[in-house]
Amino acid sequence: MGRVQARIRAPFGEIVIEAESPQEVLETLRAMPVEFMGQMSELISARLTPPTAARLEGIVEPTTQGPIITTRRALTHYEAIGLVLYASEGRGLTAAQVTGLLESSGIKAMVPGRLNEMTKRGLAFKPDPNRPEWRLTTQGEKWVEEEVLAKLRGEK
């Protein structure tokens, strides 16, 4: 009998498992640690994705206060808030902190209202409803990467 292959499509590419029999393929799959796919995805993403600082160069600058928007291109309030949250790299920021960072960037916005609207759009959330900190959702991060940063770089 010939070799048996199982091809598994993953967000980062394809994994091929090859064995002498279907039973060996199943045994190989059972032997894989549960966290295997997640660890593979993280590892590949870390290697292929440029660091956040490099993606934001000329658009957002890190300061001791937090990320300050330096681009002079026109931004909506949502885009500005999204950039600040994105550049904070997973740290939660309060609406007051976002307001302060935007003001330091020369942008005036009604941040609490915009954050609530961004929540309804699935772009931002409060990890703990009892705390005032906000973060971008995965969809929000993707929106910043694929739409906001692309627009600011002239790719869209």
N, C-alpha and C. Protein backbone atom coordinates (compact mmCIF):
# COMPACT_ATOMS: atom_id res chain seq x y z
N MET A 1 0.84 -1.18 0.00
CA MET A 1 0.00 0.00 0.00
C MET A 1 0.89 1.25 0.00
N GLY A 2 0.45 2.33 -0.68
CA GLY A 2 1.22 3.56 -0.74
C GLY A 2 1.12 4.35 0.55
N ARG A 3 1.81 5.46 0.58
CA ARG A 3 1.79 6.33 1.76
C ARG A 3 0.48 7.12 1.81
N VAL A 4 0.06 7.47 3.01
CA VAL A 4 -1.17 8.23 3.23
C VAL A 4 -0.78 9.62 3.72
N GLN A 5 -1.43 10.63 3.15
CA GLN A 5 -1.15 12.01 3.55
C GLN A 5 -2.42 12.67 4.07
N ALA A 6 -2.25 13.51 5.07
CA ALA A 6 -3.33 14.37 5.56
C ALA A 6 -2.82 15.79 5.45
N ARG A 7 -3.57 16.64 4.75
CA ARG A 7 -3.19 18.05 4.60
C ARG A 7 -4.13 18.89 5.45
N ILE A 8 -3.54 19.68 6.33
CA ILE A 8 -4.33 20.52 7.24
C ILE A 8 -4.04 21.97 6.91
N ARG A 9 -5.08 22.68 6.51
CA ARG A 9 -4.92 24.11 6.23
C ARG A 9 -5.03 24.88 7.54
N ALA A 10 -4.09 25.79 7.75
CA ALA A 10 -4.06 26.61 8.95
C ALA A 10 -3.90 28.06 8.51
N PRO A 11 -4.19 29.01 9.38
CA PRO A 11 -4.06 30.42 9.00
C PRO A 11 -2.65 30.79 8.51
N PHE A 12 -1.64 30.06 8.96
CA PHE A 12 -0.26 30.38 8.61
C PHE A 12 0.26 29.56 7.44
N GLY A 13 -0.52 28.61 6.93
CA GLY A 13 -0.06 27.78 5.82
C GLY A 13 -0.67 26.40 5.89
N GLU A 14 0.07 25.41 5.45
CA GLU A 14 -0.45 24.04 5.40
C GLU A 14 0.50 23.10 6.13
N ILE A 15 -0.08 22.17 6.87
CA ILE A 15 0.71 21.14 7.55
C ILE A 15 0.38 19.83 6.85
N VAL A 16 1.40 19.08 6.50
CA VAL A 16 1.21 17.79 5.83
C VAL A 16 1.73 16.71 6.77
N ILE A 17 0.87 15.74 7.04
CA ILE A 17 1.25 14.59 7.86
C ILE A 17 1.23 13.38 6.94
N GLU A 18 2.33 12.66 6.88
CA GLU A 18 2.46 11.52 5.98
C GLU A 18 2.83 10.29 6.79
N ALA A 19 2.21 9.17 6.46
CA ALA A 19 2.49 7.93 7.16
C ALA A 19 2.22 6.74 6.24
N GLU A 20 2.52 5.55 6.75
CA GLU A 20 2.31 4.33 5.98
C GLU A 20 0.85 3.91 5.92
N SER A 21 0.08 4.29 6.97
CA SER A 21 -1.32 3.86 7.01
C SER A 21 -2.18 4.98 7.61
N PRO A 22 -3.49 4.91 7.37
CA PRO A 22 -4.39 5.90 7.98
C PRO A 22 -4.28 5.87 9.50
N GLN A 23 -4.08 4.68 10.07
CA GLN A 23 -3.97 4.56 11.52
C GLN A 23 -2.76 5.34 12.05
N GLU A 24 -1.64 5.29 11.33
CA GLU A 24 -0.44 6.03 11.74
C GLU A 24 -0.69 7.54 11.67
N VAL A 25 -1.45 8.00 10.66
CA VAL A 25 -1.78 9.42 10.56
C VAL A 25 -2.59 9.84 11.79
N LEU A 26 -3.59 9.01 12.14
CA LEU A 26 -4.40 9.32 13.33
C LEU A 26 -3.56 9.33 14.60
N GLU A 27 -2.65 8.38 14.72
CA GLU A 27 -1.78 8.33 15.90
C GLU A 27 -0.90 9.58 15.99
N THR A 28 -0.39 10.02 14.85
CA THR A 28 0.44 11.23 14.82
C THR A 28 -0.38 12.44 15.26
N LEU A 29 -1.60 12.55 14.74
CA LEU A 29 -2.47 13.66 15.13
C LEU A 29 -2.79 13.63 16.62
N ARG A 30 -3.07 12.43 17.15
CA ARG A 30 -3.37 12.30 18.58
C ARG A 30 -2.15 12.67 19.44
N ALA A 31 -0.96 12.39 18.93
CA ALA A 31 0.27 12.66 19.69
C ALA A 31 0.63 14.15 19.72
N MET A 32 0.05 14.92 18.79
CA MET A 32 0.36 16.36 18.77
C MET A 32 -0.21 17.04 20.01
N PRO A 33 0.57 17.91 20.64
CA PRO A 33 0.06 18.64 21.80
C PRO A 33 -1.11 19.54 21.38
N VAL A 34 -2.04 19.72 22.27
CA VAL A 34 -3.23 20.53 21.99
C VAL A 34 -2.85 21.94 21.56
N GLU A 35 -1.82 22.49 22.15
CA GLU A 35 -1.42 23.87 21.87
C GLU A 35 -0.53 24.01 20.63
N PHE A 36 -0.29 22.91 19.92
CA PHE A 36 0.61 22.91 18.76
C PHE A 36 0.25 23.98 17.73
N MET A 37 -1.01 24.02 17.28
CA MET A 37 -1.41 24.95 16.23
C MET A 37 -1.24 26.40 16.70
N GLY A 38 -1.62 26.68 17.92
CA GLY A 38 -1.48 28.04 18.45
C GLY A 38 -0.01 28.46 18.52
N GLN A 39 0.83 27.55 18.99
CA GLN A 39 2.26 27.87 19.08
C GLN A 39 2.88 28.05 17.71
N MET A 40 2.48 27.22 16.75
CA MET A 40 2.98 27.37 15.38
C MET A 40 2.56 28.72 14.81
N SER A 41 1.31 29.07 14.99
CA SER A 41 0.79 30.33 14.48
C SER A 41 1.54 31.52 15.08
N GLU A 42 1.75 31.49 16.39
CA GLU A 42 2.48 32.57 17.07
C GLU A 42 3.91 32.68 16.55
N LEU A 43 4.57 31.54 16.44
CA LEU A 43 5.96 31.52 16.00
C LEU A 43 6.09 32.07 14.59
N ILE A 44 5.25 31.63 13.70
CA ILE A 44 5.32 32.09 12.31
C ILE A 44 4.94 33.55 12.21
N SER A 45 3.90 33.96 12.94
CA SER A 45 3.50 35.36 12.92
C SER A 45 4.62 36.26 13.42
N ALA A 46 5.27 35.84 14.48
CA ALA A 46 6.36 36.64 15.05
C ALA A 46 7.52 36.79 14.06
N ARG A 47 7.77 35.74 13.27
CA ARG A 47 8.87 35.78 12.32
C ARG A 47 8.53 36.57 11.05
N LEU A 48 7.27 36.51 10.62
CA LEU A 48 6.89 37.13 9.36
C LEU A 48 6.32 38.53 9.50
N THR A 49 5.79 38.86 10.66
CA THR A 49 5.18 40.16 10.85
C THR A 49 6.22 41.14 11.38
N PRO A 50 6.37 42.29 10.71
CA PRO A 50 7.34 43.25 11.22
C PRO A 50 6.90 43.77 12.60
N PRO A 51 7.82 44.12 13.46
CA PRO A 51 7.47 44.63 14.77
C PRO A 51 6.55 45.85 14.64
N THR A 52 5.70 46.03 15.64
CA THR A 52 4.73 47.13 15.62
C THR A 52 5.42 48.47 15.40
N ALA A 53 6.55 48.68 16.05
CA ALA A 53 7.27 49.96 15.92
C ALA A 53 7.63 50.23 14.46
N ALA A 54 8.05 49.21 13.75
CA ALA A 54 8.43 49.39 12.34
C ALA A 54 7.22 49.71 11.48
N ARG A 55 6.07 49.09 11.77
CA ARG A 55 4.85 49.35 11.00
C ARG A 55 4.32 50.76 11.24
N LEU A 56 4.62 51.31 12.42
CA LEU A 56 4.08 52.61 12.80
C LEU A 56 5.05 53.77 12.57
N GLU A 57 6.25 53.47 12.08
CA GLU A 57 7.26 54.50 11.89
C GLU A 57 6.73 55.63 11.01
N GLY A 58 6.88 56.86 11.49
CA GLY A 58 6.42 58.03 10.75
C GLY A 58 4.94 58.32 10.95
N ILE A 59 4.24 57.44 11.66
CA ILE A 59 2.81 57.62 11.90
C ILE A 59 2.55 57.84 13.38
N VAL A 60 3.16 57.00 14.22
CA VAL A 60 3.01 57.08 15.67
C VAL A 60 4.39 56.94 16.28
N GLU A 61 4.68 57.79 17.25
CA GLU A 61 5.97 57.73 17.95
C GLU A 61 5.74 57.37 19.42
N PRO A 62 6.52 56.45 19.94
CA PRO A 62 6.40 56.13 21.36
C PRO A 62 7.02 57.25 22.21
N THR A 63 6.37 57.58 23.30
CA THR A 63 6.92 58.55 24.26
C THR A 63 6.76 57.96 25.65
N THR A 64 7.26 58.65 26.64
CA THR A 64 7.10 58.16 28.01
C THR A 64 5.63 58.21 28.44
N GLN A 65 4.85 59.13 27.84
CA GLN A 65 3.41 59.21 28.14
C GLN A 65 2.65 58.05 27.53
N GLY A 66 3.09 57.66 26.33
CA GLY A 66 2.39 56.66 25.54
C GLY A 66 2.55 57.04 24.08
N PRO A 67 1.85 56.34 23.19
CA PRO A 67 2.00 56.61 21.76
C PRO A 67 1.36 57.95 21.34
N ILE A 68 2.12 58.75 20.58
CA ILE A 68 1.65 60.05 20.07
C ILE A 68 1.59 59.95 18.55
N ILE A 69 0.47 60.39 17.99
CA ILE A 69 0.31 60.36 16.54
C ILE A 69 1.10 61.52 15.94
N THR A 70 1.98 61.20 14.99
CA THR A 70 2.83 62.23 14.38
C THR A 70 2.49 62.50 12.92
N THR A 71 1.69 61.64 12.31
CA THR A 71 1.34 61.87 10.91
C THR A 71 0.48 63.12 10.79
N ARG A 72 0.62 63.82 9.71
CA ARG A 72 -0.19 65.03 9.48
C ARG A 72 -1.32 64.75 8.50
N ARG A 73 -1.46 63.49 8.10
CA ARG A 73 -2.57 63.12 7.23
C ARG A 73 -3.87 63.15 8.01
N ALA A 74 -4.97 63.43 7.33
CA ALA A 74 -6.28 63.52 7.98
C ALA A 74 -6.71 62.16 8.51
N LEU A 75 -7.19 62.16 9.75
CA LEU A 75 -7.68 60.95 10.40
C LEU A 75 -9.07 61.22 10.97
N THR A 76 -9.92 60.21 10.93
CA THR A 76 -11.19 60.33 11.65
C THR A 76 -10.89 60.13 13.13
N HIS A 77 -11.83 60.48 13.98
CA HIS A 77 -11.63 60.26 15.42
C HIS A 77 -11.46 58.77 15.70
N TYR A 78 -12.24 57.94 15.00
CA TYR A 78 -12.14 56.50 15.20
C TYR A 78 -10.73 56.00 14.84
N GLU A 79 -10.21 56.47 13.70
CA GLU A 79 -8.88 56.05 13.27
C GLU A 79 -7.81 56.49 14.26
N ALA A 80 -7.92 57.71 14.76
CA ALA A 80 -6.94 58.22 15.73
C ALA A 80 -6.97 57.39 17.02
N ILE A 81 -8.17 57.12 17.51
CA ILE A 81 -8.31 56.31 18.73
C ILE A 81 -7.77 54.90 18.47
N GLY A 82 -8.11 54.34 17.33
CA GLY A 82 -7.63 53.01 16.98
C GLY A 82 -6.12 52.95 16.92
N LEU A 83 -5.49 53.96 16.34
CA LEU A 83 -4.02 54.00 16.26
C LEU A 83 -3.38 54.05 17.64
N VAL A 84 -3.94 54.88 18.52
CA VAL A 84 -3.37 54.99 19.87
C VAL A 84 -3.51 53.66 20.62
N LEU A 85 -4.69 53.04 20.53
CA LEU A 85 -4.87 51.75 21.20
C LEU A 85 -3.97 50.68 20.58
N TYR A 86 -3.86 50.69 19.27
CA TYR A 86 -3.02 49.71 18.57
C TYR A 86 -1.55 49.87 18.98
N ALA A 87 -1.08 51.11 19.02
CA ALA A 87 0.31 51.39 19.35
C ALA A 87 0.62 51.10 20.82
N SER A 88 -0.40 51.00 21.65
CA SER A 88 -0.16 50.69 23.06
C SER A 88 0.13 49.20 23.25
N GLU A 89 0.05 48.42 22.16
CA GLU A 89 0.42 47.00 22.12
C GLU A 89 -0.20 46.17 23.24
N GLY A 90 -1.52 46.18 23.28
CA GLY A 90 -2.22 45.30 24.20
C GLY A 90 -2.38 45.82 25.61
N ARG A 91 -1.72 46.91 25.94
CA ARG A 91 -1.94 47.50 27.26
C ARG A 91 -3.28 48.21 27.22
N GLY A 92 -4.04 48.09 28.26
CA GLY A 92 -5.31 48.81 28.32
C GLY A 92 -5.07 50.28 28.60
N LEU A 93 -5.84 51.13 27.95
CA LEU A 93 -5.79 52.56 28.19
C LEU A 93 -7.17 53.04 28.59
N THR A 94 -7.23 53.97 29.51
CA THR A 94 -8.52 54.55 29.88
C THR A 94 -8.90 55.60 28.84
N ALA A 95 -10.17 55.97 28.82
CA ALA A 95 -10.63 57.01 27.89
C ALA A 95 -9.87 58.31 28.16
N ALA A 96 -9.60 58.59 29.43
CA ALA A 96 -8.86 59.82 29.78
C ALA A 96 -7.42 59.76 29.24
N GLN A 97 -6.79 58.60 29.32
CA GLN A 97 -5.44 58.46 28.79
C GLN A 97 -5.44 58.64 27.27
N VAL A 98 -6.41 58.04 26.59
CA VAL A 98 -6.51 58.19 25.14
C VAL A 98 -6.73 59.65 24.79
N THR A 99 -7.62 60.33 25.53
CA THR A 99 -7.88 61.75 25.30
C THR A 99 -6.60 62.56 25.44
N GLY A 100 -5.83 62.30 26.50
CA GLY A 100 -4.58 63.01 26.72
C GLY A 100 -3.57 62.77 25.60
N LEU A 101 -3.45 61.53 25.14
CA LEU A 101 -2.52 61.21 24.07
C LEU A 101 -2.95 61.87 22.76
N LEU A 102 -4.25 61.88 22.50
CA LEU A 102 -4.75 62.55 21.29
C LEU A 102 -4.51 64.05 21.37
N GLU A 103 -4.74 64.65 22.53
CA GLU A 103 -4.49 66.08 22.69
C GLU A 103 -3.00 66.39 22.49
N SER A 104 -2.13 65.52 22.98
CA SER A 104 -0.69 65.71 22.76
C SER A 104 -0.35 65.58 21.28
N SER A 105 -1.20 64.87 20.55
CA SER A 105 -1.02 64.70 19.10
C SER A 105 -1.67 65.84 18.31
N GLY A 106 -2.37 66.74 19.02
CA GLY A 106 -3.05 67.84 18.34
C GLY A 106 -4.43 67.48 17.83
N ILE A 107 -5.04 66.44 18.40
CA ILE A 107 -6.36 65.99 17.97
C ILE A 107 -7.33 66.11 19.13
N LYS A 108 -8.44 66.76 18.88
CA LYS A 108 -9.49 66.86 19.90
C LYS A 108 -10.63 65.93 19.49
N ALA A 109 -11.03 65.04 20.40
CA ALA A 109 -12.09 64.09 20.10
C ALA A 109 -12.89 63.79 21.37
N MET A 110 -14.14 63.44 21.19
CA MET A 110 -14.99 62.99 22.29
C MET A 110 -14.74 61.49 22.44
N VAL A 111 -13.67 61.16 23.14
CA VAL A 111 -13.19 59.78 23.20
C VAL A 111 -14.19 58.80 23.82
N PRO A 112 -14.82 59.11 24.97
CA PRO A 112 -15.73 58.11 25.54
C PRO A 112 -16.87 57.72 24.58
N GLY A 113 -17.43 58.71 23.92
CA GLY A 113 -18.50 58.43 22.96
C GLY A 113 -18.02 57.61 21.78
N ARG A 114 -16.84 57.96 21.26
CA ARG A 114 -16.29 57.22 20.13
C ARG A 114 -15.96 55.78 20.53
N LEU A 115 -15.43 55.58 21.76
CA LEU A 115 -15.11 54.23 22.22
C LEU A 115 -16.37 53.37 22.32
N ASN A 116 -17.47 53.97 22.81
CA ASN A 116 -18.73 53.22 22.89
C ASN A 116 -19.21 52.84 21.49
N GLU A 117 -19.07 53.75 20.53
CA GLU A 117 -19.47 53.44 19.15
C GLU A 117 -18.55 52.38 18.55
N MET A 118 -17.26 52.45 18.87
CA MET A 118 -16.32 51.44 18.38
C MET A 118 -16.65 50.07 18.98
N THR A 119 -17.16 50.04 20.21
CA THR A 119 -17.58 48.79 20.83
C THR A 119 -18.74 48.18 20.04
N LYS A 120 -19.70 49.02 19.68
CA LYS A 120 -20.86 48.55 18.90
C LYS A 120 -20.43 48.01 17.54
N ARG A 121 -19.36 48.56 16.98
CA ARG A 121 -18.84 48.11 15.68
C ARG A 121 -17.93 46.89 15.82
N GLY A 122 -17.63 46.49 17.06
CA GLY A 122 -16.77 45.33 17.29
C GLY A 122 -15.29 45.64 17.19
N LEU A 123 -14.91 46.93 17.32
CA LEU A 123 -13.50 47.31 17.18
C LEU A 123 -12.77 47.46 18.51
N ALA A 124 -13.51 47.77 19.58
CA ALA A 124 -12.89 47.99 20.89
C ALA A 124 -13.72 47.29 21.96
N PHE A 125 -13.10 47.04 23.10
CA PHE A 125 -13.82 46.41 24.21
C PHE A 125 -13.12 46.72 25.53
N LYS A 126 -13.85 46.49 26.61
CA LYS A 126 -13.28 46.61 27.95
C LYS A 126 -13.03 45.19 28.44
N PRO A 127 -11.77 44.79 28.61
CA PRO A 127 -11.49 43.42 29.06
C PRO A 127 -12.17 43.10 30.39
N ASP A 128 -12.26 44.08 31.26
CA ASP A 128 -12.94 43.91 32.54
C ASP A 128 -13.95 45.04 32.67
N PRO A 129 -15.25 44.72 32.59
CA PRO A 129 -16.27 45.77 32.64
C PRO A 129 -16.21 46.64 33.90
N ASN A 130 -15.58 46.14 34.95
CA ASN A 130 -15.47 46.91 36.19
C ASN A 130 -14.29 47.87 36.20
N ARG A 131 -13.45 47.80 35.17
CA ARG A 131 -12.28 48.69 35.08
C ARG A 131 -12.46 49.60 33.89
N PRO A 132 -11.85 50.79 33.91
CA PRO A 132 -12.06 51.76 32.83
C PRO A 132 -11.15 51.58 31.62
N GLU A 133 -10.40 50.49 31.56
CA GLU A 133 -9.43 50.31 30.47
C GLU A 133 -10.07 49.75 29.21
N TRP A 134 -9.58 50.23 28.06
CA TRP A 134 -10.06 49.82 26.76
C TRP A 134 -8.94 49.19 25.95
N ARG A 135 -9.31 48.28 25.06
CA ARG A 135 -8.37 47.66 24.14
C ARG A 135 -9.06 47.46 22.80
N LEU A 136 -8.27 47.20 21.78
CA LEU A 136 -8.84 46.85 20.48
C LEU A 136 -9.16 45.37 20.47
N THR A 137 -10.25 45.01 19.81
CA THR A 137 -10.57 43.61 19.58
C THR A 137 -9.63 43.10 18.48
N THR A 138 -9.65 41.82 18.23
CA THR A 138 -8.86 41.26 17.12
C THR A 138 -9.32 41.91 15.82
N GLN A 139 -10.63 42.08 15.68
CA GLN A 139 -11.18 42.74 14.49
C GLN A 139 -10.68 44.18 14.41
N GLY A 140 -10.60 44.86 15.55
CA GLY A 140 -10.10 46.23 15.59
C GLY A 140 -8.64 46.32 15.18
N GLU A 141 -7.83 45.37 15.65
CA GLU A 141 -6.41 45.35 15.26
C GLU A 141 -6.27 45.13 13.76
N LYS A 142 -7.07 44.22 13.24
CA LYS A 142 -7.04 43.93 11.81
C LYS A 142 -7.47 45.17 11.01
N TRP A 143 -8.49 45.87 11.49
CA TRP A 143 -8.98 47.10 10.85
C TRP A 143 -7.86 48.14 10.80
N VAL A 144 -7.14 48.34 11.91
CA VAL A 144 -6.04 49.30 11.93
C VAL A 144 -4.96 48.89 10.95
N GLU A 145 -4.57 47.61 10.96
CA GLU A 145 -3.49 47.13 10.09
C GLU A 145 -3.87 47.21 8.61
N GLU A 146 -5.07 46.73 8.28
CA GLU A 146 -5.44 46.60 6.87
C GLU A 146 -6.06 47.84 6.25
N GLU A 147 -6.70 48.67 7.07
CA GLU A 147 -7.35 49.84 6.50
C GLU A 147 -6.68 51.16 6.90
N VAL A 148 -6.52 51.38 8.20
CA VAL A 148 -6.00 52.66 8.66
C VAL A 148 -4.54 52.84 8.25
N LEU A 149 -3.68 51.88 8.58
CA LEU A 149 -2.27 52.00 8.23
C LEU A 149 -2.06 51.97 6.72
N ALA A 150 -2.84 51.16 6.01
CA ALA A 150 -2.74 51.11 4.55
C ALA A 150 -3.10 52.47 3.95
N LYS A 151 -4.14 53.11 4.48
CA LYS A 151 -4.56 54.44 4.01
C LYS A 151 -3.45 55.46 4.26
N LEU A 152 -2.85 55.41 5.45
CA LEU A 152 -1.81 56.39 5.79
C LEU A 152 -0.53 56.18 5.01
N ARG A 153 -0.28 54.98 4.56
CA ARG A 153 0.91 54.70 3.74
C ARG A 153 0.63 54.88 2.25
N GLY A 154 -0.63 55.18 1.92
CA GLY A 154 -0.99 55.36 0.52
C GLY A 154 -1.18 54.07 -0.23
N GLU A 155 -1.39 52.97 0.51
CA GLU A 155 -1.57 51.67 -0.12
C GLU A 155 -3.02 51.43 -0.52
N LYS A 156 -3.92 52.25 -0.01
CA LYS A 156 -5.34 52.09 -0.32
C LYS A 156 -5.88 53.30 -1.01
